[in-house]
Amino acid sequence: MTFNWLLFLTGAYSLLPVNVADQIFVPLWWALCIVGSIAAINEFRNDPAFAIPGAALTTISFIFSLLAGGILQM
């Protein structure tokens, strides 16, 4: 997830053609959010103090992906 944030913040997706970037960007964010949710749920059983910040970052990324997907549809 960190690598995807780094690519977004540095503008690496702007180097790709628009159609390719649209096909990669949003589905990748959603997949990472699903994986982050599964990891947070599994980690909550072992160490809740570590799982709660992970779940918060996953939630922020999910909200951002919904926002980005909405903006891309405009």
Protein backbone atom coordinates (compact mmCIF):
# COMPACT_ATOMS: atom_id res chain seq x y z
CA MET A 1 0.00 0.00 0.00
CA THR A 2 2.88 2.34 0.75
CA PHE A 3 4.33 1.85 -2.72
CA ASN A 4 1.00 2.74 -4.32
CA TRP A 5 0.78 5.93 -2.21
CA LEU A 6 4.35 6.77 -3.24
CA LEU A 7 3.51 6.31 -6.92
CA PHE A 8 0.45 8.52 -6.54
CA LEU A 9 2.15 11.30 -4.59
CA THR A 10 5.12 11.50 -6.94
CA GLY A 11 2.89 11.65 -10.01
CA ALA A 12 4.12 8.40 -11.53
CA TYR A 13 0.61 7.60 -12.78
CA SER A 14 0.64 10.78 -14.86
CA LEU A 15 3.43 9.29 -16.98
CA LEU A 16 1.05 6.59 -18.23
CA PRO A 17 -1.59 7.15 -20.89
CA VAL A 18 -4.96 8.14 -19.39
CA ASN A 19 -6.75 4.92 -20.33
CA VAL A 20 -4.01 2.74 -18.89
CA ALA A 21 -3.78 4.76 -15.68
CA ASP A 22 -7.57 4.58 -15.20
CA GLN A 23 -7.51 0.82 -15.64
CA ILE A 24 -4.67 0.37 -13.14
CA PHE A 25 -5.22 3.03 -10.48
CA VAL A 26 -8.67 2.40 -8.99
CA PRO A 27 -8.74 -1.43 -9.16
CA LEU A 28 -5.30 -1.53 -7.57
CA TRP A 29 -6.47 0.68 -4.70
CA TRP A 30 -9.54 -1.52 -4.14
CA ALA A 31 -7.46 -4.69 -4.18
CA LEU A 32 -5.03 -3.19 -1.67
CA CYS A 33 -7.93 -2.15 0.56
CA ILE A 34 -9.33 -5.69 0.52
CA VAL A 35 -5.92 -7.16 1.36
CA GLY A 36 -5.43 -4.55 4.11
CA SER A 37 -8.82 -5.37 5.61
CA ILE A 38 -8.05 -9.08 5.67
CA ALA A 39 -4.65 -8.41 7.22
CA ALA A 40 -6.16 -6.12 9.88
CA ILE A 41 -8.81 -8.70 10.79
CA ASN A 42 -6.21 -11.47 11.08
CA GLU A 43 -3.84 -9.26 13.06
CA PHE A 44 -6.61 -8.12 15.42
CA ARG A 45 -6.66 -11.64 16.85
CA ASN A 46 -2.94 -11.46 17.67
CA ASP A 47 -2.20 -7.82 18.45
CA PRO A 48 -5.07 -5.30 18.49
CA ALA A 49 -2.70 -2.39 19.17
CA PHE A 50 -1.05 -3.01 15.79
CA ALA A 51 -4.26 -3.88 13.94
CA ILE A 52 -6.17 -0.70 14.76
CA PRO A 53 -3.72 1.71 13.00
CA GLY A 54 -3.54 -0.72 10.07
CA ALA A 55 -7.33 -0.75 9.83
CA ALA A 56 -7.37 3.05 10.02
CA LEU A 57 -4.89 3.36 7.13
CA THR A 58 -6.92 0.85 5.13
CA THR A 59 -10.10 2.84 5.79
CA ILE A 60 -8.43 6.09 4.71
CA SER A 61 -7.18 4.41 1.54
CA PHE A 62 -10.65 3.01 0.82
CA ILE A 63 -12.28 6.41 1.23
CA PHE A 64 -9.60 7.93 -1.01
CA SER A 65 -10.19 5.26 -3.66
CA LEU A 66 -13.92 6.00 -3.64
CA LEU A 67 -13.18 9.70 -4.00
CA ALA A 68 -10.66 9.10 -6.80
CA GLY A 69 -13.07 6.77 -8.58
CA GLY A 70 -15.80 9.39 -8.38
CA ILE A 71 -13.52 12.09 -9.74
CA LEU A 72 -12.39 9.85 -12.59
CA GLN A 73 -16.02 9.27 -13.59
CA MET A 74 -16.66 13.01 -14.01
